[in-house]
PDB file of N, CA and C in Angstrom:
ATOM      1  N   UNK A   1     -36.459 -61.982  80.531  1.00  0.00           N
ATOM      2  CA  UNK A   1     -35.806 -63.142  79.954  1.00  0.00           C
ATOM      3  C   UNK A   1     -35.690 -62.940  78.446  1.00  0.00           C
ATOM      4  N   UNK A   2     -34.558 -63.300  77.938  1.00  0.00           N
ATOM      5  CA  UNK A   2     -34.331 -63.346  76.500  1.00  0.00           C
ATOM      6  C   UNK A   2     -34.563 -64.773  76.055  1.00  0.00           C
ATOM      7  N   UNK A   3     -34.469 -65.027  74.806  1.00  0.00           N
ATOM      8  CA  UNK A   3     -34.639 -66.402  74.348  1.00  0.00           C
ATOM      9  C   UNK A   3     -33.796 -66.660  73.110  1.00  0.00           C
ATOM     10  N   UNK A   4     -32.496 -66.490  73.263  1.00  0.00           N
ATOM     11  CA  UNK A   4     -31.602 -66.751  72.144  1.00  0.00           C
ATOM     12  C   UNK A   4     -31.516 -68.256  71.874  1.00  0.00           C
ATOM     13  N   UNK A   5     -31.610 -69.042  72.937  1.00  0.00           N
ATOM     14  CA  UNK A   5     -31.650 -70.494  72.832  1.00  0.00           C
ATOM     15  C   UNK A   5     -30.430 -71.108  72.170  1.00  0.00           C
ATOM     16  N   UNK A   6     -30.559 -72.388  71.873  1.00  0.00           N
ATOM     17  CA  UNK A   6     -29.456 -73.137  71.284  1.00  0.00           C
ATOM     18  C   UNK A   6     -29.122 -72.676  69.871  1.00  0.00           C
ATOM     19  N   UNK A   7     -30.142 -72.412  69.086  1.00  0.00           N
ATOM     20  CA  UNK A   7     -29.919 -71.989  67.696  1.00  0.00           C
ATOM     21  C   UNK A   7     -29.164 -70.662  67.664  1.00  0.00           C
ATOM     22  N   UNK A   8     -29.535 -69.746  68.537  1.00  0.00           N
ATOM     23  CA  UNK A   8     -28.840 -68.468  68.615  1.00  0.00           C
ATOM     24  C   UNK A   8     -27.404 -68.628  69.063  1.00  0.00           C
ATOM     25  N   UNK A   9     -27.158 -69.548  69.995  1.00  0.00           N
ATOM     26  CA  UNK A   9     -25.784 -69.813  70.454  1.00  0.00           C
ATOM     27  C   UNK A   9     -24.926 -70.362  69.326  1.00  0.00           C
ATOM     28  N   UNK A  10     -25.502 -71.237  68.525  1.00  0.00           N
ATOM     29  CA  UNK A  10     -24.762 -71.791  67.388  1.00  0.00           C
ATOM     30  C   UNK A  10     -24.396 -70.681  66.406  1.00  0.00           C
ATOM     31  N   UNK A  11     -25.319 -69.790  66.165  1.00  0.00           N
ATOM     32  CA  UNK A  11     -25.051 -68.668  65.265  1.00  0.00           C
ATOM     33  C   UNK A  11     -23.990 -67.733  65.847  1.00  0.00           C
ATOM     34  N   UNK A  12     -24.083 -67.458  67.134  1.00  0.00           N
ATOM     35  CA  UNK A  12     -23.080 -66.618  67.802  1.00  0.00           C
ATOM     36  C   UNK A  12     -21.690 -67.228  67.696  1.00  0.00           C
ATOM     37  N   UNK A  13     -21.617 -68.508  67.932  1.00  0.00           N
ATOM     38  CA  UNK A  13     -20.320 -69.184  67.912  1.00  0.00           C
ATOM     39  C   UNK A  13     -19.668 -69.097  66.531  1.00  0.00           C
ATOM     40  N   UNK A  14     -20.480 -69.110  65.513  1.00  0.00           N
ATOM     41  CA  UNK A  14     -19.958 -69.039  64.140  1.00  0.00           C
ATOM     42  C   UNK A  14     -19.639 -67.621  63.682  1.00  0.00           C
ATOM     43  N   UNK A  15     -20.159 -66.618  64.405  1.00  0.00           N
ATOM     44  CA  UNK A  15     -20.048 -65.238  63.936  1.00  0.00           C
ATOM     45  C   UNK A  15     -19.502 -64.275  64.981  1.00  0.00           C
ATOM     46  N   UNK A  16     -18.736 -64.772  65.909  1.00  0.00           N
ATOM     47  CA  UNK A  16     -18.221 -63.930  66.980  1.00  0.00           C
ATOM     48  C   UNK A  16     -16.850 -63.369  66.594  1.00  0.00           C
ATOM     49  N   UNK A  17     -16.682 -62.064  66.723  1.00  0.00           N
ATOM     50  CA  UNK A  17     -15.379 -61.475  66.394  1.00  0.00           C
ATOM     51  C   UNK A  17     -14.314 -61.838  67.427  1.00  0.00           C
ATOM     52  N   UNK A  18     -13.076 -61.879  67.001  1.00  0.00           N
ATOM     53  CA  UNK A  18     -11.965 -62.205  67.903  1.00  0.00           C
ATOM     54  C   UNK A  18     -11.820 -61.194  69.030  1.00  0.00           C
ATOM     55  N   UNK A  19     -12.343 -60.001  68.838  1.00  0.00           N
ATOM     56  CA  UNK A  19     -12.187 -58.934  69.820  1.00  0.00           C
ATOM     57  C   UNK A  19     -13.234 -58.974  70.932  1.00  0.00           C
ATOM     58  N   UNK A  20     -14.143 -59.950  70.915  1.00  0.00           N
ATOM     59  CA  UNK A  20     -15.192 -60.056  71.925  1.00  0.00           C
ATOM     60  C   UNK A  20     -14.584 -60.192  73.317  1.00  0.00           C
ATOM     61  N   UNK A  21     -14.987 -59.328  74.250  1.00  0.00           N
ATOM     62  CA  UNK A  21     -14.463 -59.379  75.617  1.00  0.00           C
ATOM     63  C   UNK A  21     -15.456 -59.964  76.599  1.00  0.00           C
ATOM     64  N   UNK A  22     -16.736 -59.757  76.373  1.00  0.00           N
ATOM     65  CA  UNK A  22     -17.756 -60.261  77.290  1.00  0.00           C
ATOM     66  C   UNK A  22     -18.930 -60.805  76.490  1.00  0.00           C
ATOM     67  N   UNK A  23     -19.453 -61.924  76.959  1.00  0.00           N
ATOM     68  CA  UNK A  23     -20.632 -62.525  76.358  1.00  0.00           C
ATOM     69  C   UNK A  23     -21.604 -62.837  77.483  1.00  0.00           C
ATOM     70  N   UNK A  24     -22.740 -62.168  77.460  1.00  0.00           N
ATOM     71  CA  UNK A  24     -23.729 -62.341  78.517  1.00  0.00           C
ATOM     72  C   UNK A  24     -24.955 -63.019  77.918  1.00  0.00           C
ATOM     73  N   UNK A  25     -25.138 -64.270  78.284  1.00  0.00           N
ATOM     74  CA  UNK A  25     -26.262 -65.070  77.804  1.00  0.00           C
ATOM     75  C   UNK A  25     -27.148 -65.492  78.972  1.00  0.00           C
ATOM     76  N   UNK A  26     -27.248 -64.640  79.964  1.00  0.00           N
ATOM     77  CA  UNK A  26     -28.034 -64.916  81.160  1.00  0.00           C
ATOM     78  C   UNK A  26     -29.506 -65.096  80.795  1.00  0.00           C
ATOM     79  N   UNK A  27     -30.075 -66.203  81.288  1.00  0.00           N
ATOM     80  CA  UNK A  27     -31.502 -66.466  81.153  1.00  0.00           C
ATOM     81  C   UNK A  27     -31.953 -66.474  79.693  1.00  0.00           C
ATOM     82  N   UNK A  28     -31.271 -67.269  78.876  1.00  0.00           N
ATOM     83  CA  UNK A  28     -31.547 -67.337  77.450  1.00  0.00           C
ATOM     84  C   UNK A  28     -31.965 -68.724  76.964  1.00  0.00           C
ATOM     85  N   UNK A  29     -32.295 -69.594  77.874  1.00  0.00           N
ATOM     86  CA  UNK A  29     -32.725 -70.958  77.518  1.00  0.00           C
ATOM     87  C   UNK A  29     -31.659 -71.734  76.755  1.00  0.00           C
ATOM     88  N   UNK A  30     -30.417 -71.502  77.113  1.00  0.00           N
ATOM     89  CA  UNK A  30     -29.305 -72.249  76.525  1.00  0.00           C
ATOM     90  C   UNK A  30     -29.279 -73.632  77.164  1.00  0.00           C
ATOM     91  N   UNK A  31     -29.139 -74.653  76.350  1.00  0.00           N
ATOM     92  CA  UNK A  31     -29.126 -76.029  76.835  1.00  0.00           C
ATOM     93  C   UNK A  31     -27.811 -76.705  76.475  1.00  0.00           C
ATOM     94  N   UNK A  32     -27.666 -77.928  76.946  1.00  0.00           N
ATOM     95  CA  UNK A  32     -26.434 -78.686  76.720  1.00  0.00           C
ATOM     96  C   UNK A  32     -26.078 -78.806  75.243  1.00  0.00           C
ATOM     97  N   UNK A  33     -27.074 -78.875  74.378  1.00  0.00           N
ATOM     98  CA  UNK A  33     -26.779 -79.066  72.950  1.00  0.00           C
ATOM     99  C   UNK A  33     -26.018 -77.884  72.352  1.00  0.00           C
ATOM    100  N   UNK A  34     -26.006 -76.741  73.018  1.00  0.00           N
ATOM    101  CA  UNK A  34     -25.239 -75.590  72.535  1.00  0.00           C
ATOM    102  C   UNK A  34     -23.838 -75.539  73.133  1.00  0.00           C
ATOM    103  N   UNK A  35     -23.536 -76.412  74.054  1.00  0.00           N
ATOM    104  CA  UNK A  35     -22.255 -76.345  74.766  1.00  0.00           C
ATOM    105  C   UNK A  35     -21.047 -76.611  73.888  1.00  0.00           C
ATOM    106  N   UNK A  36     -21.169 -77.468  72.914  1.00  0.00           N
ATOM    107  CA  UNK A  36     -20.031 -77.718  72.030  1.00  0.00           C
ATOM    108  C   UNK A  36     -19.672 -76.444  71.269  1.00  0.00           C
ATOM    109  N   UNK A  37     -20.675 -75.741  70.770  1.00  0.00           N
ATOM    110  CA  UNK A  37     -20.422 -74.483  70.058  1.00  0.00           C
ATOM    111  C   UNK A  37     -19.852 -73.437  71.009  1.00  0.00           C
ATOM    112  N   UNK A  38     -20.391 -73.363  72.225  1.00  0.00           N
ATOM    113  CA  UNK A  38     -19.867 -72.413  73.205  1.00  0.00           C
ATOM    114  C   UNK A  38     -18.440 -72.764  73.611  1.00  0.00           C
ATOM    115  N   UNK A  39     -18.148 -74.048  73.710  1.00  0.00           N
ATOM    116  CA  UNK A  39     -16.779 -74.481  74.033  1.00  0.00           C
ATOM    117  C   UNK A  39     -15.814 -74.017  72.956  1.00  0.00           C
ATOM    118  N   UNK A  40     -16.211 -74.170  71.707  1.00  0.00           N
ATOM    119  CA  UNK A  40     -15.379 -73.726  70.601  1.00  0.00           C
ATOM    120  C   UNK A  40     -15.197 -72.214  70.636  1.00  0.00           C
ATOM    121  N   UNK A  41     -16.266 -71.497  70.926  1.00  0.00           N
ATOM    122  CA  UNK A  41     -16.193 -70.040  71.021  1.00  0.00           C
ATOM    123  C   UNK A  41     -15.197 -69.634  72.110  1.00  0.00           C
ATOM    124  N   UNK A  42     -15.282 -70.269  73.276  1.00  0.00           N
ATOM    125  CA  UNK A  42     -14.383 -69.949  74.395  1.00  0.00           C
ATOM    126  C   UNK A  42     -12.934 -70.265  74.030  1.00  0.00           C
ATOM    127  N   UNK A  43     -12.714 -71.386  73.390  1.00  0.00           N
ATOM    128  CA  UNK A  43     -11.360 -71.774  72.994  1.00  0.00           C
ATOM    129  C   UNK A  43     -10.758 -70.821  71.963  1.00  0.00           C
ATOM    130  N   UNK A  44     -11.604 -70.292  71.089  1.00  0.00           N
ATOM    131  CA  UNK A  44     -11.125 -69.505  69.958  1.00  0.00           C
ATOM    132  C   UNK A  44     -11.362 -68.005  70.093  1.00  0.00           C
ATOM    133  N   UNK A  45     -11.587 -67.542  71.295  1.00  0.00           N
ATOM    134  CA  UNK A  45     -11.813 -66.113  71.531  1.00  0.00           C
ATOM    135  C   UNK A  45     -10.731 -65.588  72.461  1.00  0.00           C
ATOM    136  N   UNK A  46      -9.623 -65.143  71.901  1.00  0.00           N
ATOM    137  CA  UNK A  46      -8.485 -64.742  72.724  1.00  0.00           C
ATOM    138  C   UNK A  46      -8.746 -63.526  73.618  1.00  0.00           C
ATOM    139  N   UNK A  47      -9.724 -62.712  73.280  1.00  0.00           N
ATOM    140  CA  UNK A  47     -10.003 -61.523  74.082  1.00  0.00           C
ATOM    141  C   UNK A  47     -11.102 -61.733  75.119  1.00  0.00           C
ATOM    142  N   UNK A  48     -11.791 -62.863  75.060  1.00  0.00           N
ATOM    143  CA  UNK A  48     -12.913 -63.115  75.959  1.00  0.00           C
ATOM    144  C   UNK A  48     -12.439 -63.250  77.409  1.00  0.00           C
ATOM    145  N   UNK A  49     -12.967 -62.402  78.270  1.00  0.00           N
ATOM    146  CA  UNK A  49     -12.619 -62.453  79.696  1.00  0.00           C
ATOM    147  C   UNK A  49     -13.826 -62.745  80.568  1.00  0.00           C
ATOM    148  N   UNK A  50     -15.027 -62.454  80.094  1.00  0.00           N
ATOM    149  CA  UNK A  50     -16.242 -62.633  80.889  1.00  0.00           C
ATOM    150  C   UNK A  50     -17.289 -63.412  80.109  1.00  0.00           C
ATOM    151  N   UNK A  51     -17.803 -64.470  80.734  1.00  0.00           N
ATOM    152  CA  UNK A  51     -18.855 -65.275  80.127  1.00  0.00           C
ATOM    153  C   UNK A  51     -19.922 -65.538  81.176  1.00  0.00           C
ATOM    154  N   UNK A  52     -21.132 -65.052  80.923  1.00  0.00           N
ATOM    155  CA  UNK A  52     -22.227 -65.227  81.859  1.00  0.00           C
ATOM    156  C   UNK A  52     -23.275 -66.135  81.233  1.00  0.00           C
ATOM    157  N   UNK A  53     -23.419 -67.326  81.801  1.00  0.00           N
ATOM    158  CA  UNK A  53     -24.409 -68.306  81.355  1.00  0.00           C
ATOM    159  C   UNK A  53     -25.395 -68.627  82.473  1.00  0.00           C
ATOM    160  N   UNK A  54     -25.565 -67.696  83.372  1.00  0.00           N
ATOM    161  CA  UNK A  54     -26.441 -67.866  84.531  1.00  0.00           C
ATOM    162  C   UNK A  54     -27.888 -68.125  84.089  1.00  0.00           C
ATOM    163  N   UNK A  55     -28.579 -68.975  84.867  1.00  0.00           N
ATOM    164  CA  UNK A  55     -30.018 -69.230  84.691  1.00  0.00           C
ATOM    165  C   UNK A  55     -30.399 -69.752  83.317  1.00  0.00           C
ATOM    166  N   UNK A  56     -29.681 -70.762  82.855  1.00  0.00           N
ATOM    167  CA  UNK A  56     -30.036 -71.444  81.624  1.00  0.00           C
ATOM    168  C   UNK A  56     -30.397 -72.883  81.965  1.00  0.00           C
ATOM    169  N   UNK A  57     -30.348 -73.759  81.024  1.00  0.00           N
ATOM    170  CA  UNK A  57     -30.672 -75.163  81.246  1.00  0.00           C
ATOM    171  C   UNK A  57     -29.438 -76.038  81.023  1.00  0.00           C
ATOM    172  N   UNK A  58     -28.292 -75.534  81.458  1.00  0.00           N
ATOM    173  CA  UNK A  58     -27.027 -76.234  81.267  1.00  0.00           C
ATOM    174  C   UNK A  58     -26.847 -77.248  82.381  1.00  0.00           C
ATOM    175  N   UNK A  59     -26.500 -78.473  81.998  1.00  0.00           N
ATOM    176  CA  UNK A  59     -26.308 -79.527  82.995  1.00  0.00           C
ATOM    177  C   UNK A  59     -24.959 -80.201  82.790  1.00  0.00           C
ATOM    178  N   UNK A  60     -24.854 -81.419  83.230  1.00  0.00           N
ATOM    179  CA  UNK A  60     -23.576 -82.120  83.238  1.00  0.00           C
ATOM    180  C   UNK A  60     -23.029 -82.441  81.848  1.00  0.00           C
ATOM    181  N   UNK A  61     -23.808 -82.246  80.810  1.00  0.00           N
ATOM    182  CA  UNK A  61     -23.323 -82.469  79.452  1.00  0.00           C
ATOM    183  C   UNK A  61     -22.362 -81.382  78.979  1.00  0.00           C
ATOM    184  N   UNK A  62     -22.116 -80.402  79.810  1.00  0.00           N
ATOM    185  CA  UNK A  62     -21.270 -79.262  79.408  1.00  0.00           C
ATOM    186  C   UNK A  62     -19.884 -79.277  80.042  1.00  0.00           C
ATOM    187  N   UNK A  63     -19.384 -80.426  80.377  1.00  0.00           N
ATOM    188  CA  UNK A  63     -18.053 -80.518  80.969  1.00  0.00           C
ATOM    189  C   UNK A  63     -17.000 -79.949  80.017  1.00  0.00           C
ATOM    190  N   UNK A  64     -17.177 -80.112  78.716  1.00  0.00           N
ATOM    191  CA  UNK A  64     -16.217 -79.561  77.751  1.00  0.00           C
ATOM    192  C   UNK A  64     -16.161 -78.036  77.813  1.00  0.00           C
ATOM    193  N   UNK A  65     -17.283 -77.414  78.117  1.00  0.00           N
ATOM    194  CA  UNK A  65     -17.302 -75.960  78.268  1.00  0.00           C
ATOM    195  C   UNK A  65     -16.471 -75.542  79.476  1.00  0.00           C
ATOM    196  N   UNK A  66     -16.577 -76.283  80.555  1.00  0.00           N
ATOM    197  CA  UNK A  66     -15.781 -75.994  81.751  1.00  0.00           C
ATOM    198  C   UNK A  66     -14.300 -76.174  81.433  1.00  0.00           C
ATOM    199  N   UNK A  67     -13.961 -77.242  80.741  1.00  0.00           N
ATOM    200  CA  UNK A  67     -12.570 -77.477  80.364  1.00  0.00           C
ATOM    201  C   UNK A  67     -12.041 -76.379  79.452  1.00  0.00           C
ATOM    202  N   UNK A  68     -12.881 -75.901  78.539  1.00  0.00           N
ATOM    203  CA  UNK A  68     -12.467 -74.821  77.631  1.00  0.00           C
ATOM    204  C   UNK A  68     -12.218 -73.536  78.409  1.00  0.00           C
ATOM    205  N   UNK A  69     -13.045 -73.271  79.402  1.00  0.00           N
ATOM    206  CA  UNK A  69     -12.859 -72.068  80.220  1.00  0.00           C
ATOM    207  C   UNK A  69     -11.568 -72.141  81.022  1.00  0.00           C
ATOM    208  N   UNK A  70     -11.240 -73.318  81.509  1.00  0.00           N
ATOM    209  CA  UNK A  70      -9.978 -73.502  82.237  1.00  0.00           C
ATOM    210  C   UNK A  70      -8.798 -73.332  81.284  1.00  0.00           C
ATOM    211  N   UNK A  71      -8.915 -73.851  80.069  1.00  0.00           N
ATOM    212  CA  UNK A  71      -7.819 -73.787  79.103  1.00  0.00           C
ATOM    213  C   UNK A  71      -7.594 -72.376  78.561  1.00  0.00           C
ATOM    214  N   UNK A  72      -8.647 -71.573  78.482  1.00  0.00           N
ATOM    215  CA  UNK A  72      -8.517 -70.204  77.987  1.00  0.00           C
ATOM    216  C   UNK A  72      -7.973 -69.339  79.126  1.00  0.00           C
ATOM    217  N   UNK A  73      -6.731 -68.952  79.035  1.00  0.00           N
ATOM    218  CA  UNK A  73      -6.042 -68.224  80.114  1.00  0.00           C
ATOM    219  C   UNK A  73      -6.595 -66.821  80.345  1.00  0.00           C
ATOM    220  N   UNK A  74      -7.394 -66.310  79.423  1.00  0.00           N
ATOM    221  CA  UNK A  74      -7.935 -64.959  79.567  1.00  0.00           C
ATOM    222  C   UNK A  74      -9.259 -64.900  80.319  1.00  0.00           C
ATOM    223  N   UNK A  75      -9.966 -66.020  80.419  1.00  0.00           N
ATOM    224  CA  UNK A  75     -11.239 -66.030  81.132  1.00  0.00           C
ATOM    225  C   UNK A  75     -10.989 -65.718  82.602  1.00  0.00           C
ATOM    226  N   UNK A  76     -11.643 -64.654  83.077  1.00  0.00           N
ATOM    227  CA  UNK A  76     -11.522 -64.247  84.476  1.00  0.00           C
ATOM    228  C   UNK A  76     -12.826 -64.428  85.234  1.00  0.00           C
ATOM    229  N   UNK A  77     -13.931 -64.429  84.490  1.00  0.00           N
ATOM    230  CA  UNK A  77     -15.244 -64.500  85.114  1.00  0.00           C
ATOM    231  C   UNK A  77     -16.133 -65.423  84.296  1.00  0.00           C
ATOM    232  N   UNK A  78     -16.681 -66.431  84.962  1.00  0.00           N
ATOM    233  CA  UNK A  78     -17.625 -67.344  84.337  1.00  0.00           C
ATOM    234  C   UNK A  78     -18.738 -67.596  85.332  1.00  0.00           C
ATOM    235  N   UNK A  79     -19.957 -67.267  84.957  1.00  0.00           N
ATOM    236  CA  UNK A  79     -21.098 -67.481  85.841  1.00  0.00           C
ATOM    237  C   UNK A  79     -21.960 -68.592  85.276  1.00  0.00           C
ATOM    238  N   UNK A  80     -22.011 -69.700  86.000  1.00  0.00           N
ATOM    239  CA  UNK A  80     -22.853 -70.833  85.638  1.00  0.00           C
ATOM    240  C   UNK A  80     -23.926 -71.067  86.695  1.00  0.00           C
ATOM    241  N   UNK A  81     -24.146 -70.101  87.566  1.00  0.00           N
ATOM    242  CA  UNK A  81     -25.121 -70.278  88.634  1.00  0.00           C
ATOM    243  C   UNK A  81     -26.528 -70.422  88.057  1.00  0.00           C
ATOM    244  N   UNK A  82     -27.356 -71.141  88.789  1.00  0.00           N
ATOM    245  CA  UNK A  82     -28.721 -71.347  88.348  1.00  0.00           C
ATOM    246  C   UNK A  82     -28.869 -72.393  87.260  1.00  0.00           C
ATOM    247  N   UNK A  83     -27.823 -73.169  87.037  1.00  0.00           N
ATOM    248  CA  UNK A  83     -27.868 -74.288  86.106  1.00  0.00           C
ATOM    249  C   UNK A  83     -27.828 -75.580  86.912  1.00  0.00           C
ATOM    250  N   UNK A  84     -27.768 -76.707  86.255  1.00  0.00           N
ATOM    251  CA  UNK A  84     -27.829 -77.988  86.952  1.00  0.00           C
ATOM    252  C   UNK A  84     -26.546 -78.778  86.706  1.00  0.00           C
ATOM    253  N   UNK A  85     -25.465 -78.359  87.332  1.00  0.00           N
ATOM    254  CA  UNK A  85     -24.188 -79.059  87.219  1.00  0.00           C
ATOM    255  C   UNK A  85     -23.973 -79.840  88.514  1.00  0.00           C
ATOM    256  N   UNK A  86     -24.160 -81.158  88.463  1.00  0.00           N
ATOM    257  CA  UNK A  86     -24.095 -81.945  89.690  1.00  0.00           C
ATOM    258  C   UNK A  86     -23.136 -83.124  89.655  1.00  0.00           C
ATOM    259  N   UNK A  87     -22.965 -83.746  88.518  1.00  0.00           N
ATOM    260  CA  UNK A  87     -22.204 -84.991  88.450  1.00  0.00           C
ATOM    261  C   UNK A  87     -20.701 -84.816  88.310  1.00  0.00           C
ATOM    262  N   UNK A  88     -20.220 -83.598  88.161  1.00  0.00           N
ATOM    263  CA  UNK A  88     -18.796 -83.364  87.953  1.00  0.00           C
ATOM    264  C   UNK A  88     -18.255 -82.322  88.922  1.00  0.00           C
ATOM    265  N   UNK A  89     -18.386 -82.571  90.222  1.00  0.00           N
ATOM    266  CA  UNK A  89     -17.924 -81.572  91.191  1.00  0.00           C
ATOM    267  C   UNK A  89     -16.424 -81.299  91.076  1.00  0.00           C
ATOM    268  N   UNK A  90     -15.653 -82.283  90.638  1.00  0.00           N
ATOM    269  CA  UNK A  90     -14.210 -82.074  90.507  1.00  0.00           C
ATOM    270  C   UNK A  90     -13.894 -81.069  89.396  1.00  0.00           C
ATOM    271  N   UNK A  91     -14.660 -81.100  88.313  1.00  0.00           N
ATOM    272  CA  UNK A  91     -14.458 -80.144  87.216  1.00  0.00           C
ATOM    273  C   UNK A  91     -14.877 -78.735  87.645  1.00  0.00           C
ATOM    274  N   UNK A  92     -15.985 -78.655  88.383  1.00  0.00           N
ATOM    275  CA  UNK A  92     -16.453 -77.352  88.868  1.00  0.00           C
ATOM    276  C   UNK A  92     -15.451 -76.780  89.864  1.00  0.00           C
ATOM    277  N   UNK A  93     -14.912 -77.625  90.744  1.00  0.00           N
ATOM    278  CA  UNK A  93     -13.903 -77.174  91.707  1.00  0.00           C
ATOM    279  C   UNK A  93     -12.634 -76.716  90.990  1.00  0.00           C
ATOM    280  N   UNK A  94     -12.204 -77.450  89.959  1.00  0.00           N
ATOM    281  CA  UNK A  94     -11.034 -77.055  89.178  1.00  0.00           C
ATOM    282  C   UNK A  94     -11.270 -75.696  88.527  1.00  0.00           C
ATOM    283  N   UNK A  95     -12.432 -75.527  87.950  1.00  0.00           N
ATOM    284  CA  UNK A  95     -12.769 -74.259  87.319  1.00  0.00           C
ATOM    285  C   UNK A  95     -12.759 -73.127  88.339  1.00  0.00           C
ATOM    286  N   UNK A  96     -13.379 -73.342  89.462  1.00  0.00           N
ATOM    287  CA  UNK A  96     -13.446 -72.320  90.501  1.00  0.00           C
ATOM    288  C   UNK A  96     -12.039 -71.938  90.981  1.00  0.00           C
ATOM    289  N   UNK A  97     -11.222 -72.925  91.270  1.00  0.00           N
ATOM    290  CA  UNK A  97      -9.865 -72.655  91.748  1.00  0.00           C
ATOM    291  C   UNK A  97      -9.023 -71.939  90.682  1.00  0.00           C
ATOM    292  N   UNK A  98      -9.188 -72.351  89.442  1.00  0.00           N
ATOM    293  CA  UNK A  98      -8.430 -71.733  88.350  1.00  0.00           C
ATOM    294  C   UNK A  98      -8.819 -70.275  88.179  1.00  0.00           C
ATOM    295  N   UNK A  99     -10.112 -70.011  88.140  1.00  0.00           N
ATOM    296  CA  UNK A  99     -10.560 -68.635  87.939  1.00  0.00           C
ATOM    297  C   UNK A  99     -10.203 -67.738  89.137  1.00  0.00           C
ATOM    298  N   UNK A 100     -10.292 -68.288  90.340  1.00  0.00           N
ATOM    299  CA  UNK A 100      -9.915 -67.507  91.525  1.00  0.00           C
ATOM    300  C   UNK A 100      -8.435 -67.143  91.480  1.00  0.00           C
ATOM    301  N   UNK A 101      -7.603 -68.059  91.039  1.00  0.00           N
ATOM    302  CA  UNK A 101      -6.159 -67.768  90.989  1.00  0.00           C
ATOM    303  C   UNK A 101      -5.837 -66.725  89.921  1.00  0.00           C
ATOM    304  N   UNK A 102      -6.652 -66.595  88.897  1.00  0.00           N
ATOM    305  CA  UNK A 102      -6.428 -65.615  87.839  1.00  0.00           C
ATOM    306  C   UNK A 102      -6.796 -64.206  88.280  1.00  0.00           C
ATOM    307  N   UNK A 103      -7.607 -64.081  89.291  1.00  0.00           N
ATOM    308  CA  UNK A 103      -8.015 -62.766  89.766  1.00  0.00           C
ATOM    309  C   UNK A 103      -6.947 -62.104  90.604  1.00  0.00           C
ATOM    310  N   UNK A 104      -6.007 -62.870  91.089  1.00  0.00           N
ATOM    311  CA  UNK A 104      -4.960 -62.319  91.961  1.00  0.00           C
ATOM    312  C   UNK A 104      -3.950 -61.497  91.198  1.00  0.00           C
TER     313      UNK A 104
END
């Protein structure tokens, strides 16, 4: 396990190059409070195609991150497994359907 946490996510969001293609933050204790910064990163990273946020502490407060991933036409892979997203099944379904259609 790494421990970049929320503070590290905020720093990443402010210092990420436009050429970033993959961001793997698996098991880094990322919480909802970092989602706004991650949403901005996803929106403003034209080359980003892969985002792995598996096994963090992300919950329903991150709906904006899901919306940003749907809006970014280059995102092909987003892993949110092992988090606690329960109250917005329609947003998760939209994200899943959108990303699946981009793989074709």
